[in-house]
């Protein structure tokens, strides 16, 4: 049975400029791995973590431009990003290490680059 993840689970401990609509679309992309996860009897807890890491990877590379390396005060609003080399993010590296059957990583590598831009930004 397919594991369902939510935007709340993805955002738990994760900071992104991606909107809720973007995250929902990223979840839909990662849901394509369900057939492989089910076929390989991946436990629900692991499947859930794999899918969350996949969505975080898409959010980090598709909307944020990389890891934030510097920020300024609200009045000076400025951010600096470290470029994500070769489409890799720290989430993808972790995902690749624990995705034993390659279900989510295959979904990410076999899909065209996903870049979504919703109107506005997510508010907390």
C-alpha atoms as a PDB file:
ATOM      1  CA  UNK A   1       0.000   0.000   0.000  1.00  0.00           C
ATOM      2  CA  UNK A   2       1.391   3.405  -1.005  1.00  0.00           C
ATOM      3  CA  UNK A   3       2.665   5.692   1.728  1.00  0.00           C
ATOM      4  CA  UNK A   4       1.183   9.181   1.728  1.00  0.00           C
ATOM      5  CA  UNK A   5       3.281  12.144   2.856  1.00  0.00           C
ATOM      6  CA  UNK A   6       2.093  15.672   3.528  1.00  0.00           C
ATOM      7  CA  UNK A   7       3.588  19.125   3.173  1.00  0.00           C
ATOM      8  CA  UNK A   8       3.599  19.361   6.981  1.00  0.00           C
ATOM      9  CA  UNK A   9       5.879  16.309   7.183  1.00  0.00           C
ATOM     10  CA  UNK A  10       8.173  17.745   4.520  1.00  0.00           C
ATOM     11  CA  UNK A  11       8.409  21.107   6.308  1.00  0.00           C
ATOM     12  CA  UNK A  12       9.095  19.605   9.761  1.00  0.00           C
ATOM     13  CA  UNK A  13      12.644  20.850  10.440  1.00  0.00           C
ATOM     14  CA  UNK A  14      13.115  22.030   6.857  1.00  0.00           C
ATOM     15  CA  UNK A  15      13.297  25.639   5.694  1.00  0.00           C
ATOM     16  CA  UNK A  16      12.433  26.453   2.094  1.00  0.00           C
ATOM     17  CA  UNK A  17      11.112  29.261  -0.029  1.00  0.00           C
ATOM     18  CA  UNK A  18       8.928  26.783  -1.910  1.00  0.00           C
ATOM     19  CA  UNK A  19       5.230  27.451  -1.662  1.00  0.00           C
ATOM     20  CA  UNK A  20       2.731  24.891  -0.448  1.00  0.00           C
ATOM     21  CA  UNK A  21       1.584  24.459  -4.061  1.00  0.00           C
ATOM     22  CA  UNK A  22       5.176  23.711  -5.137  1.00  0.00           C
ATOM     23  CA  UNK A  23       5.595  21.159  -2.355  1.00  0.00           C
ATOM     24  CA  UNK A  24       2.300  19.497  -3.286  1.00  0.00           C
ATOM     25  CA  UNK A  25       3.495  19.202  -6.895  1.00  0.00           C
ATOM     26  CA  UNK A  26       6.858  17.794  -5.765  1.00  0.00           C
ATOM     27  CA  UNK A  27       5.025  15.208  -3.667  1.00  0.00           C
ATOM     28  CA  UNK A  28       3.047  14.201  -6.770  1.00  0.00           C
ATOM     29  CA  UNK A  29       6.327  13.707  -8.661  1.00  0.00           C
ATOM     30  CA  UNK A  30       7.824  11.583  -5.872  1.00  0.00           C
ATOM     31  CA  UNK A  31       4.609   9.544  -5.569  1.00  0.00           C
ATOM     32  CA  UNK A  32       5.660   7.930  -8.853  1.00  0.00           C
ATOM     33  CA  UNK A  33       8.080   5.828  -6.772  1.00  0.00           C
ATOM     34  CA  UNK A  34       5.183   4.087  -4.978  1.00  0.00           C
ATOM     35  CA  UNK A  35       5.016   1.156  -7.406  1.00  0.00           C
ATOM     36  CA  UNK A  36       8.705   0.370  -6.886  1.00  0.00           C
ATOM     37  CA  UNK A  37       8.522   0.861  -3.103  1.00  0.00           C
ATOM     38  CA  UNK A  38       5.501  -1.461  -2.870  1.00  0.00           C
ATOM     39  CA  UNK A  39       7.012  -4.074  -5.213  1.00  0.00           C
ATOM     40  CA  UNK A  40      10.124  -4.249  -3.027  1.00  0.00           C
ATOM     41  CA  UNK A  41       8.122  -4.350   0.229  1.00  0.00           C
ATOM     42  CA  UNK A  42       9.893  -1.298   1.632  1.00  0.00           C
ATOM     43  CA  UNK A  43       8.565  -0.710   5.178  1.00  0.00           C
ATOM     44  CA  UNK A  44       6.218   2.285   5.492  1.00  0.00           C
ATOM     45  CA  UNK A  45       8.503   4.191   7.873  1.00  0.00           C
ATOM     46  CA  UNK A  46      11.443   3.945   5.458  1.00  0.00           C
ATOM     47  CA  UNK A  47       9.304   4.656   2.387  1.00  0.00           C
ATOM     48  CA  UNK A  48       7.973   7.781   4.089  1.00  0.00           C
ATOM     49  CA  UNK A  49      11.481   9.050   4.877  1.00  0.00           C
ATOM     50  CA  UNK A  50      12.684   8.308   1.341  1.00  0.00           C
ATOM     51  CA  UNK A  51       9.799  10.262  -0.137  1.00  0.00           C
ATOM     52  CA  UNK A  52      10.310  13.199   2.248  1.00  0.00           C
ATOM     53  CA  UNK A  53      14.001  13.356   1.313  1.00  0.00           C
ATOM     54  CA  UNK A  54      13.063  13.272  -2.374  1.00  0.00           C
ATOM     55  CA  UNK A  55      10.647  16.188  -1.981  1.00  0.00           C
ATOM     56  CA  UNK A  56      13.202  18.155   0.036  1.00  0.00           C
ATOM     57  CA  UNK A  57      15.772  17.558  -2.705  1.00  0.00           C
ATOM     58  CA  UNK A  58      13.385  18.912  -5.330  1.00  0.00           C
ATOM     59  CA  UNK A  59      12.545  21.917  -3.160  1.00  0.00           C
ATOM     60  CA  UNK A  60      16.211  22.643  -2.430  1.00  0.00           C
ATOM     61  CA  UNK A  61      17.335  22.431  -6.045  1.00  0.00           C
ATOM     62  CA  UNK A  62      14.202  23.684  -7.794  1.00  0.00           C
ATOM     63  CA  UNK A  63      13.276  26.769  -5.834  1.00  0.00           C
ATOM     64  CA  UNK A  64      16.018  27.774  -3.449  1.00  0.00           C
ATOM     65  CA  UNK A  65      19.080  27.671  -5.683  1.00  0.00           C
ATOM     66  CA  UNK A  66      21.179  25.915  -3.072  1.00  0.00           C
ATOM     67  CA  UNK A  67      21.982  26.015   0.599  1.00  0.00           C
ATOM     68  CA  UNK A  68      21.724  29.396   2.296  1.00  0.00           C
ATOM     69  CA  UNK A  69      25.204  30.426   3.431  1.00  0.00           C
ATOM     70  CA  UNK A  70      24.501  33.945   4.610  1.00  0.00           C
ATOM     71  CA  UNK A  71      21.483  36.013   5.651  1.00  0.00           C
ATOM     72  CA  UNK A  72      21.036  39.545   6.904  1.00  0.00           C
ATOM     73  CA  UNK A  73      18.512  41.210   9.146  1.00  0.00           C
ATOM     74  CA  UNK A  74      14.953  41.771   8.036  1.00  0.00           C
ATOM     75  CA  UNK A  75      15.652  45.408   7.231  1.00  0.00           C
ATOM     76  CA  UNK A  76      18.663  44.433   5.088  1.00  0.00           C
ATOM     77  CA  UNK A  77      16.956  41.415   3.478  1.00  0.00           C
ATOM     78  CA  UNK A  78      19.766  39.619   1.693  1.00  0.00           C
ATOM     79  CA  UNK A  79      20.640  35.968   1.148  1.00  0.00           C
ATOM     80  CA  UNK A  80      23.651  34.214  -0.317  1.00  0.00           C
ATOM     81  CA  UNK A  81      23.507  30.679  -1.637  1.00  0.00           C
ATOM     82  CA  UNK A  82      26.081  27.965  -2.148  1.00  0.00           C
ATOM     83  CA  UNK A  83      25.468  26.525  -5.592  1.00  0.00           C
ATOM     84  CA  UNK A  84      24.266  22.954  -5.650  1.00  0.00           C
ATOM     85  CA  UNK A  85      26.914  21.156  -7.690  1.00  0.00           C
ATOM     86  CA  UNK A  86      25.690  18.816 -10.403  1.00  0.00           C
ATOM     87  CA  UNK A  87      22.100  18.825  -9.180  1.00  0.00           C
ATOM     88  CA  UNK A  88      23.153  17.251  -5.886  1.00  0.00           C
ATOM     89  CA  UNK A  89      21.757  18.401  -2.586  1.00  0.00           C
ATOM     90  CA  UNK A  90      22.522  17.128   0.875  1.00  0.00           C
ATOM     91  CA  UNK A  91      19.093  15.477   0.783  1.00  0.00           C
ATOM     92  CA  UNK A  92      19.921  13.646  -2.442  1.00  0.00           C
ATOM     93  CA  UNK A  93      23.227  12.384  -1.050  1.00  0.00           C
ATOM     94  CA  UNK A  94      21.423  10.986   2.006  1.00  0.00           C
ATOM     95  CA  UNK A  95      18.636   9.594  -0.149  1.00  0.00           C
ATOM     96  CA  UNK A  96      21.112   7.876  -2.454  1.00  0.00           C
ATOM     97  CA  UNK A  97      22.817   6.272   0.537  1.00  0.00           C
ATOM     98  CA  UNK A  98      19.642   4.787   2.043  1.00  0.00           C
ATOM     99  CA  UNK A  99      17.481   4.106  -1.042  1.00  0.00           C
ATOM    100  CA  UNK A 100      18.436   0.414  -1.220  1.00  0.00           C
ATOM    101  CA  UNK A 101      16.248  -0.396  -4.225  1.00  0.00           C
ATOM    102  CA  UNK A 102      16.766   2.945  -5.970  1.00  0.00           C
ATOM    103  CA  UNK A 103      13.037   3.659  -6.134  1.00  0.00           C
ATOM    104  CA  UNK A 104      13.058   7.370  -5.304  1.00  0.00           C
ATOM    105  CA  UNK A 105      16.470   8.102  -6.834  1.00  0.00           C
ATOM    106  CA  UNK A 106      15.326   6.489 -10.084  1.00  0.00           C
ATOM    107  CA  UNK A 107      12.237   8.695 -10.051  1.00  0.00           C
ATOM    108  CA  UNK A 108      14.452  11.746  -9.617  1.00  0.00           C
ATOM    109  CA  UNK A 109      16.991  10.780 -12.276  1.00  0.00           C
ATOM    110  CA  UNK A 110      14.460   9.523 -14.834  1.00  0.00           C
ATOM    111  CA  UNK A 111      12.251  12.583 -14.573  1.00  0.00           C
ATOM    112  CA  UNK A 112      13.085  15.826 -16.322  1.00  0.00           C
ATOM    113  CA  UNK A 113      14.284  18.626 -14.068  1.00  0.00           C
ATOM    114  CA  UNK A 114      11.339  19.853 -12.067  1.00  0.00           C
ATOM    115  CA  UNK A 115      11.157  23.581 -11.603  1.00  0.00           C
ATOM    116  CA  UNK A 116       7.904  24.975 -10.350  1.00  0.00           C
ATOM    117  CA  UNK A 117       7.128  28.546  -9.423  1.00  0.00           C
ATOM    118  CA  UNK A 118       3.868  29.312  -7.701  1.00  0.00           C
ATOM    119  CA  UNK A 119       2.563  32.810  -7.312  1.00  0.00           C
ATOM    120  CA  UNK A 120       3.742  34.234  -4.005  1.00  0.00           C
ATOM    121  CA  UNK A 121       5.752  32.557  -1.298  1.00  0.00           C
ATOM    122  CA  UNK A 122       4.908  30.225   1.533  1.00  0.00           C
ATOM    123  CA  UNK A 123       4.082  31.953   4.789  1.00  0.00           C
ATOM    124  CA  UNK A 124       4.482  30.381   8.193  1.00  0.00           C
END
